[in-house]
N, C-alpha and C. Protein backbone atom coordinates (compact mmCIF):
# COMPACT_ATOMS: atom_id res chain seq x y z
N MET A 1 -41.72 4.51 1.81
CA MET A 1 -41.39 3.78 3.03
C MET A 1 -41.07 2.33 2.66
N ARG A 2 -39.99 1.82 3.23
CA ARG A 2 -39.57 0.45 2.94
C ARG A 2 -40.49 -0.56 3.62
N LYS A 3 -40.73 -1.64 2.94
CA LYS A 3 -41.55 -2.73 3.46
C LYS A 3 -40.77 -3.45 4.57
N PRO A 4 -41.42 -3.79 5.69
CA PRO A 4 -40.74 -4.55 6.75
C PRO A 4 -40.31 -5.94 6.23
N TRP A 5 -39.22 -6.46 6.81
CA TRP A 5 -38.67 -7.74 6.36
C TRP A 5 -39.71 -8.86 6.32
N ASN A 6 -40.50 -9.00 7.38
CA ASN A 6 -41.47 -10.10 7.42
C ASN A 6 -42.47 -10.02 6.27
N GLU A 7 -42.93 -8.84 5.98
CA GLU A 7 -43.86 -8.67 4.85
C GLU A 7 -43.16 -8.95 3.52
N TYR A 8 -41.93 -8.49 3.40
CA TYR A 8 -41.15 -8.72 2.18
C TYR A 8 -40.98 -10.21 1.91
N PHE A 9 -40.56 -10.97 2.93
CA PHE A 9 -40.34 -12.40 2.73
C PHE A 9 -41.65 -13.16 2.53
N MET A 10 -42.73 -12.71 3.18
CA MET A 10 -44.03 -13.36 2.95
C MET A 10 -44.51 -13.07 1.54
N ASP A 11 -44.26 -11.89 1.04
CA ASP A 11 -44.58 -11.58 -0.37
C ASP A 11 -43.83 -12.54 -1.30
N GLN A 12 -42.57 -12.81 -0.97
CA GLN A 12 -41.78 -13.75 -1.78
C GLN A 12 -42.40 -15.15 -1.75
N ALA A 13 -42.86 -15.59 -0.57
CA ALA A 13 -43.50 -16.91 -0.45
C ALA A 13 -44.77 -16.96 -1.31
N ARG A 14 -45.54 -15.87 -1.30
CA ARG A 14 -46.74 -15.82 -2.14
C ARG A 14 -46.38 -15.91 -3.62
N MET A 15 -45.32 -15.24 -4.01
CA MET A 15 -44.88 -15.28 -5.41
C MET A 15 -44.43 -16.69 -5.78
N VAL A 16 -43.66 -17.32 -4.91
CA VAL A 16 -43.20 -18.69 -5.17
C VAL A 16 -44.39 -19.64 -5.33
N ALA A 17 -45.45 -19.41 -4.57
CA ALA A 17 -46.65 -20.26 -4.64
C ALA A 17 -47.29 -20.24 -6.02
N THR A 18 -47.03 -19.20 -6.80
CA THR A 18 -47.62 -19.13 -8.15
C THR A 18 -47.03 -20.19 -9.07
N ARG A 19 -45.93 -20.81 -8.68
CA ARG A 19 -45.30 -21.89 -9.46
C ARG A 19 -45.88 -23.26 -9.12
N ALA A 20 -46.70 -23.37 -8.08
CA ALA A 20 -47.26 -24.65 -7.65
C ALA A 20 -48.03 -25.31 -8.77
N THR A 21 -47.94 -26.63 -8.84
CA THR A 21 -48.60 -27.36 -9.93
C THR A 21 -49.75 -28.24 -9.45
N CYS A 22 -50.05 -28.24 -8.16
CA CYS A 22 -51.22 -28.96 -7.65
C CYS A 22 -52.32 -27.95 -7.41
N ASP A 23 -53.42 -28.10 -8.12
CA ASP A 23 -54.49 -27.12 -8.06
C ASP A 23 -55.35 -27.20 -6.80
N ARG A 24 -55.11 -28.22 -5.97
CA ARG A 24 -55.87 -28.31 -4.71
C ARG A 24 -55.52 -27.15 -3.78
N LEU A 25 -54.23 -26.75 -3.78
CA LEU A 25 -53.79 -25.63 -2.96
C LEU A 25 -52.41 -25.20 -3.45
N HIS A 26 -52.23 -23.92 -3.66
CA HIS A 26 -50.93 -23.40 -4.07
C HIS A 26 -50.21 -22.89 -2.82
N VAL A 27 -49.07 -23.51 -2.52
CA VAL A 27 -48.30 -23.16 -1.33
C VAL A 27 -46.89 -22.78 -1.74
N GLY A 28 -46.36 -21.75 -1.12
CA GLY A 28 -44.98 -21.33 -1.35
C GLY A 28 -44.24 -21.23 -0.03
N ALA A 29 -42.93 -21.53 -0.07
CA ALA A 29 -42.08 -21.44 1.11
C ALA A 29 -40.76 -20.78 0.74
N VAL A 30 -40.25 -19.98 1.67
CA VAL A 30 -38.98 -19.30 1.49
C VAL A 30 -38.19 -19.49 2.78
N ILE A 31 -36.98 -20.03 2.66
CA ILE A 31 -36.11 -20.18 3.83
C ILE A 31 -35.12 -19.03 3.83
N VAL A 32 -34.99 -18.39 5.00
CA VAL A 32 -34.20 -17.17 5.14
C VAL A 32 -33.22 -17.32 6.30
N ARG A 33 -31.99 -16.89 6.06
CA ARG A 33 -31.00 -16.82 7.14
C ARG A 33 -30.27 -15.49 7.00
N ASP A 34 -30.16 -14.78 8.10
CA ASP A 34 -29.49 -13.47 8.12
C ASP A 34 -30.07 -12.51 7.07
N LYS A 35 -31.40 -12.50 6.99
CA LYS A 35 -32.13 -11.62 6.07
C LYS A 35 -31.78 -11.86 4.61
N ARG A 36 -31.38 -13.10 4.29
CA ARG A 36 -31.07 -13.49 2.91
C ARG A 36 -31.82 -14.76 2.58
N ILE A 37 -32.43 -14.81 1.42
CA ILE A 37 -33.13 -16.01 0.98
C ILE A 37 -32.10 -17.06 0.60
N ILE A 38 -32.19 -18.24 1.23
CA ILE A 38 -31.27 -19.33 0.90
C ILE A 38 -31.95 -20.45 0.11
N SER A 39 -33.29 -20.44 0.08
CA SER A 39 -33.99 -21.48 -0.67
C SER A 39 -35.46 -21.12 -0.81
N THR A 40 -36.07 -21.66 -1.87
CA THR A 40 -37.51 -21.52 -2.05
C THR A 40 -38.08 -22.88 -2.43
N GLY A 41 -39.37 -23.03 -2.24
CA GLY A 41 -40.04 -24.26 -2.65
C GLY A 41 -41.52 -24.03 -2.83
N TYR A 42 -42.11 -24.84 -3.69
CA TYR A 42 -43.57 -24.81 -3.89
C TYR A 42 -44.04 -26.24 -4.01
N ASN A 43 -45.34 -26.45 -3.84
CA ASN A 43 -45.84 -27.82 -3.93
C ASN A 43 -45.98 -28.21 -5.39
N GLY A 44 -45.40 -29.35 -5.70
CA GLY A 44 -45.42 -29.85 -7.06
C GLY A 44 -44.89 -31.27 -7.13
N SER A 45 -44.90 -31.82 -8.31
CA SER A 45 -44.49 -33.21 -8.53
C SER A 45 -42.99 -33.38 -8.43
N VAL A 46 -42.59 -34.63 -8.25
CA VAL A 46 -41.18 -35.00 -8.27
C VAL A 46 -40.62 -34.64 -9.65
N SER A 47 -39.38 -34.19 -9.69
CA SER A 47 -38.74 -33.83 -10.96
C SER A 47 -38.90 -34.96 -11.97
N GLY A 48 -39.37 -34.60 -13.14
CA GLY A 48 -39.53 -35.57 -14.22
C GLY A 48 -40.89 -36.26 -14.26
N ASP A 49 -41.70 -36.11 -13.21
CA ASP A 49 -43.03 -36.73 -13.19
C ASP A 49 -44.05 -35.75 -13.77
N VAL A 50 -45.23 -36.26 -14.08
CA VAL A 50 -46.31 -35.41 -14.58
C VAL A 50 -46.83 -34.52 -13.45
N HIS A 51 -47.41 -33.41 -13.81
CA HIS A 51 -47.96 -32.47 -12.82
C HIS A 51 -49.46 -32.68 -12.68
N CYS A 52 -49.96 -32.39 -11.49
CA CYS A 52 -51.40 -32.49 -11.23
C CYS A 52 -52.20 -31.64 -12.21
N GLN A 53 -51.70 -30.44 -12.48
CA GLN A 53 -52.45 -29.55 -13.38
C GLN A 53 -52.54 -30.11 -14.79
N ASP A 54 -51.65 -31.06 -15.14
CA ASP A 54 -51.68 -31.67 -16.47
C ASP A 54 -52.44 -33.00 -16.50
N LYS A 55 -52.33 -33.78 -15.44
CA LYS A 55 -52.90 -35.12 -15.44
C LYS A 55 -53.99 -35.31 -14.38
N GLY A 56 -54.06 -34.41 -13.43
CA GLY A 56 -55.00 -34.55 -12.32
C GLY A 56 -54.28 -35.00 -11.07
N CYS A 57 -54.91 -34.75 -9.94
CA CYS A 57 -54.32 -35.13 -8.66
C CYS A 57 -54.40 -36.64 -8.47
N TYR A 58 -53.48 -37.17 -7.72
CA TYR A 58 -53.46 -38.59 -7.35
C TYR A 58 -53.80 -38.63 -5.86
N VAL A 59 -55.10 -38.74 -5.57
CA VAL A 59 -55.60 -38.58 -4.21
C VAL A 59 -55.77 -39.95 -3.54
N VAL A 60 -55.17 -40.06 -2.35
CA VAL A 60 -55.31 -41.24 -1.50
C VAL A 60 -55.64 -40.75 -0.10
N ASP A 61 -56.70 -41.25 0.48
CA ASP A 61 -57.14 -40.84 1.82
C ASP A 61 -57.26 -39.32 1.96
N GLY A 62 -57.77 -38.67 0.92
CA GLY A 62 -58.01 -37.24 0.96
C GLY A 62 -56.79 -36.36 0.73
N HIS A 63 -55.63 -36.98 0.41
CA HIS A 63 -54.40 -36.21 0.18
C HIS A 63 -53.86 -36.51 -1.21
N CYS A 64 -53.37 -35.49 -1.88
CA CYS A 64 -52.71 -35.69 -3.16
C CYS A 64 -51.30 -36.19 -2.89
N ILE A 65 -51.01 -37.42 -3.28
CA ILE A 65 -49.68 -37.99 -3.02
C ILE A 65 -48.72 -37.80 -4.18
N ARG A 66 -49.17 -37.17 -5.25
CA ARG A 66 -48.30 -36.88 -6.39
C ARG A 66 -47.30 -35.76 -6.04
N THR A 67 -47.67 -34.88 -5.12
CA THR A 67 -46.88 -33.68 -4.86
C THR A 67 -45.96 -33.81 -3.65
N ILE A 68 -44.92 -32.99 -3.70
CA ILE A 68 -44.05 -32.76 -2.56
C ILE A 68 -44.44 -31.38 -2.04
N HIS A 69 -44.55 -31.25 -0.73
CA HIS A 69 -44.96 -29.97 -0.16
C HIS A 69 -43.88 -28.91 -0.31
N ALA A 70 -44.31 -27.66 -0.29
CA ALA A 70 -43.42 -26.51 -0.50
C ALA A 70 -42.27 -26.50 0.51
N GLU A 71 -42.60 -26.73 1.79
CA GLU A 71 -41.57 -26.70 2.83
C GLU A 71 -40.52 -27.78 2.59
N SER A 72 -40.99 -28.98 2.22
CA SER A 72 -40.07 -30.09 1.93
C SER A 72 -39.18 -29.75 0.75
N ASN A 73 -39.77 -29.20 -0.30
CA ASN A 73 -38.98 -28.83 -1.48
C ASN A 73 -37.90 -27.81 -1.12
N ALA A 74 -38.23 -26.83 -0.29
CA ALA A 74 -37.24 -25.81 0.09
C ALA A 74 -36.12 -26.43 0.93
N ILE A 75 -36.47 -27.30 1.87
CA ILE A 75 -35.47 -27.96 2.71
C ILE A 75 -34.60 -28.88 1.86
N LEU A 76 -35.21 -29.63 0.95
CA LEU A 76 -34.46 -30.56 0.10
C LEU A 76 -33.52 -29.81 -0.85
N GLN A 77 -33.93 -28.64 -1.31
CA GLN A 77 -33.05 -27.84 -2.16
C GLN A 77 -31.79 -27.45 -1.38
N CYS A 78 -31.94 -27.09 -0.11
CA CYS A 78 -30.77 -26.78 0.72
C CYS A 78 -29.88 -28.01 0.87
N ALA A 79 -30.48 -29.17 1.11
CA ALA A 79 -29.70 -30.40 1.24
C ALA A 79 -28.95 -30.71 -0.05
N LYS A 80 -29.62 -30.55 -1.17
CA LYS A 80 -29.02 -30.86 -2.47
C LYS A 80 -27.78 -30.01 -2.73
N PHE A 81 -27.82 -28.75 -2.32
CA PHE A 81 -26.72 -27.84 -2.61
C PHE A 81 -25.82 -27.57 -1.40
N GLY A 82 -26.02 -28.32 -0.32
CA GLY A 82 -25.14 -28.20 0.84
C GLY A 82 -25.26 -26.90 1.61
N VAL A 83 -26.48 -26.37 1.72
CA VAL A 83 -26.70 -25.12 2.43
C VAL A 83 -27.35 -25.43 3.77
N SER A 84 -26.72 -24.99 4.85
CA SER A 84 -27.25 -25.27 6.19
C SER A 84 -28.53 -24.48 6.46
N THR A 85 -29.49 -25.16 7.11
CA THR A 85 -30.73 -24.51 7.52
C THR A 85 -30.76 -24.26 9.03
N GLU A 86 -29.69 -24.61 9.71
CA GLU A 86 -29.61 -24.44 11.16
C GLU A 86 -29.83 -22.97 11.54
N GLY A 87 -30.84 -22.73 12.38
CA GLY A 87 -31.13 -21.38 12.85
C GLY A 87 -31.85 -20.49 11.86
N ALA A 88 -32.24 -21.03 10.72
CA ALA A 88 -32.94 -20.24 9.70
C ALA A 88 -34.41 -20.07 10.07
N ALA A 89 -35.08 -19.22 9.31
CA ALA A 89 -36.53 -19.02 9.42
C ALA A 89 -37.15 -19.49 8.11
N ILE A 90 -38.40 -19.94 8.20
CA ILE A 90 -39.14 -20.31 6.99
C ILE A 90 -40.41 -19.48 6.95
N TYR A 91 -40.66 -18.91 5.78
CA TYR A 91 -41.89 -18.17 5.52
C TYR A 91 -42.72 -19.04 4.61
N VAL A 92 -43.95 -19.33 5.01
CA VAL A 92 -44.79 -20.23 4.23
C VAL A 92 -46.20 -19.68 4.17
N THR A 93 -46.84 -19.85 3.02
CA THR A 93 -48.16 -19.27 2.83
C THR A 93 -49.23 -19.93 3.69
N HIS A 94 -49.02 -21.20 4.07
CA HIS A 94 -49.99 -21.94 4.87
C HIS A 94 -49.26 -22.68 6.00
N PHE A 95 -49.91 -22.84 7.13
CA PHE A 95 -49.29 -23.53 8.26
C PHE A 95 -48.85 -24.93 7.83
N PRO A 96 -47.64 -25.33 8.18
CA PRO A 96 -47.12 -26.64 7.74
C PRO A 96 -47.91 -27.82 8.29
N CYS A 97 -48.01 -28.86 7.48
CA CYS A 97 -48.63 -30.11 7.92
C CYS A 97 -47.73 -30.80 8.95
N LEU A 98 -48.17 -31.91 9.50
CA LEU A 98 -47.40 -32.62 10.51
C LEU A 98 -46.05 -33.08 9.97
N LEU A 99 -46.02 -33.70 8.80
CA LEU A 99 -44.76 -34.19 8.23
C LEU A 99 -43.79 -33.04 7.98
N CYS A 100 -44.27 -31.95 7.39
CA CYS A 100 -43.40 -30.80 7.14
C CYS A 100 -42.92 -30.19 8.45
N SER A 101 -43.77 -30.16 9.46
CA SER A 101 -43.36 -29.65 10.77
C SER A 101 -42.21 -30.48 11.34
N LYS A 102 -42.30 -31.79 11.21
CA LYS A 102 -41.21 -32.66 11.66
C LYS A 102 -39.93 -32.38 10.89
N GLN A 103 -40.04 -32.18 9.59
CA GLN A 103 -38.86 -31.89 8.78
C GLN A 103 -38.24 -30.54 9.15
N ILE A 104 -39.08 -29.58 9.43
CA ILE A 104 -38.61 -28.26 9.85
C ILE A 104 -37.81 -28.37 11.15
N ILE A 105 -38.33 -29.14 12.09
CA ILE A 105 -37.63 -29.36 13.35
C ILE A 105 -36.28 -30.04 13.10
N GLN A 106 -36.29 -31.10 12.32
CA GLN A 106 -35.06 -31.86 12.07
C GLN A 106 -34.04 -31.05 11.29
N ALA A 107 -34.50 -30.10 10.47
CA ALA A 107 -33.60 -29.26 9.69
C ALA A 107 -32.98 -28.14 10.52
N GLY A 108 -33.44 -27.99 11.77
CA GLY A 108 -32.89 -26.96 12.65
C GLY A 108 -33.44 -25.57 12.40
N ILE A 109 -34.54 -25.49 11.67
CA ILE A 109 -35.18 -24.19 11.43
C ILE A 109 -35.81 -23.73 12.73
N SER A 110 -35.57 -22.48 13.11
CA SER A 110 -35.98 -22.01 14.43
C SER A 110 -37.23 -21.14 14.45
N GLN A 111 -37.67 -20.68 13.28
CA GLN A 111 -38.86 -19.82 13.23
C GLN A 111 -39.70 -20.16 12.01
N ILE A 112 -41.01 -20.18 12.23
CA ILE A 112 -41.97 -20.34 11.14
C ILE A 112 -42.85 -19.10 11.12
N TYR A 113 -42.88 -18.46 9.96
CA TYR A 113 -43.80 -17.36 9.72
C TYR A 113 -44.79 -17.88 8.68
N TYR A 114 -46.07 -17.82 8.98
CA TYR A 114 -47.07 -18.34 8.06
C TYR A 114 -48.20 -17.34 7.94
N GLU A 115 -48.91 -17.44 6.82
CA GLU A 115 -50.00 -16.51 6.59
C GLU A 115 -51.36 -17.10 6.97
N ALA A 116 -51.65 -18.29 6.47
CA ALA A 116 -52.99 -18.86 6.66
C ALA A 116 -52.94 -20.17 7.43
N ASP A 117 -53.92 -20.36 8.27
CA ASP A 117 -54.11 -21.68 8.88
C ASP A 117 -54.70 -22.59 7.82
N TYR A 118 -54.24 -23.83 7.79
CA TYR A 118 -54.80 -24.79 6.85
C TYR A 118 -54.68 -26.18 7.46
N ARG A 119 -55.80 -26.70 7.91
CA ARG A 119 -55.81 -28.03 8.54
C ARG A 119 -54.70 -28.15 9.58
N THR A 120 -54.56 -27.13 10.40
CA THR A 120 -53.50 -27.09 11.40
C THR A 120 -53.66 -28.26 12.37
N ASP A 121 -52.63 -29.11 12.43
CA ASP A 121 -52.63 -30.29 13.27
C ASP A 121 -52.15 -29.91 14.67
N PRO A 122 -52.98 -30.16 15.70
CA PRO A 122 -52.57 -29.80 17.07
C PRO A 122 -51.27 -30.49 17.50
N TYR A 123 -51.04 -31.70 17.01
CA TYR A 123 -49.80 -32.40 17.36
C TYR A 123 -48.59 -31.72 16.72
N ALA A 124 -48.76 -31.20 15.50
CA ALA A 124 -47.68 -30.45 14.85
C ALA A 124 -47.34 -29.23 15.69
N VAL A 125 -48.35 -28.50 16.14
CA VAL A 125 -48.14 -27.32 16.98
C VAL A 125 -47.41 -27.71 18.26
N GLN A 126 -47.84 -28.81 18.88
CA GLN A 126 -47.21 -29.29 20.11
C GLN A 126 -45.73 -29.61 19.88
N LEU A 127 -45.43 -30.35 18.81
CA LEU A 127 -44.04 -30.71 18.51
C LEU A 127 -43.18 -29.48 18.25
N LEU A 128 -43.71 -28.55 17.48
CA LEU A 128 -42.96 -27.33 17.15
C LEU A 128 -42.65 -26.53 18.41
N LYS A 129 -43.64 -26.36 19.27
CA LYS A 129 -43.42 -25.61 20.51
C LYS A 129 -42.44 -26.34 21.42
N GLN A 130 -42.58 -27.64 21.51
CA GLN A 130 -41.69 -28.48 22.32
C GLN A 130 -40.23 -28.36 21.83
N ALA A 131 -40.06 -28.22 20.53
CA ALA A 131 -38.72 -28.10 19.94
C ALA A 131 -38.19 -26.67 20.00
N GLY A 132 -39.01 -25.75 20.49
CA GLY A 132 -38.58 -24.36 20.60
C GLY A 132 -38.67 -23.57 19.31
N VAL A 133 -39.46 -24.07 18.35
CA VAL A 133 -39.64 -23.35 17.08
C VAL A 133 -40.68 -22.25 17.31
N GLU A 134 -40.30 -21.03 16.99
CA GLU A 134 -41.18 -19.87 17.17
C GLU A 134 -42.19 -19.83 16.04
N LEU A 135 -43.47 -19.66 16.37
CA LEU A 135 -44.55 -19.60 15.38
C LEU A 135 -45.14 -18.20 15.35
N THR A 136 -45.19 -17.62 14.16
CA THR A 136 -45.76 -16.28 14.02
C THR A 136 -46.66 -16.24 12.79
N GLN A 137 -47.92 -15.86 13.00
CA GLN A 137 -48.82 -15.69 11.88
C GLN A 137 -48.72 -14.25 11.40
N ILE A 138 -48.54 -14.11 10.09
CA ILE A 138 -48.48 -12.79 9.47
C ILE A 138 -49.77 -12.60 8.69
N LEU A 139 -50.58 -11.69 9.14
CA LEU A 139 -51.86 -11.45 8.50
C LEU A 139 -51.69 -10.48 7.35
N VAL A 140 -52.46 -10.67 6.31
CA VAL A 140 -52.41 -9.83 5.12
C VAL A 140 -52.91 -8.44 5.47
N GLN A 141 -52.13 -7.44 5.07
CA GLN A 141 -52.55 -6.05 5.26
C GLN A 141 -53.28 -5.61 3.99
N ILE A 142 -54.51 -5.20 4.13
CA ILE A 142 -55.29 -4.75 2.99
C ILE A 142 -55.15 -3.24 2.85
N ALA A 143 -54.69 -2.81 1.69
CA ALA A 143 -54.51 -1.38 1.43
C ALA A 143 -55.86 -0.68 1.34
N GLU A 144 -55.93 0.49 1.89
CA GLU A 144 -57.19 1.25 1.85
C GLU A 144 -57.23 2.15 0.64
């Protein structure tokens, strides 16, 4: 039996998260349009900078500022290569933070599929709903 699309793309987001270089949390994101992956991203350092896993996290006010979030990296990859995100969906292993939520809205992404809640900001939820972004949590299916 074929795996449903949502599970397939969430599996891809989990796989992308294995590339994350900040050990505080491994996050993966996959942007999809018309059932095709157009971009991926994971949380890690700016190109050419040291990685948290090599030098340690650079924590300010409880946040590692050395890293770029997975959602941002995926959106920026589309910008870099001129790929439109208008009307796309994003699959992400953890609910986006406030800044990533704002970027998702501005990028024209219309759906967020996420697996885990993580410090979910009520204002981010409010903004996403106000912008008409559909939110769907995909729970892990445990094989028996």
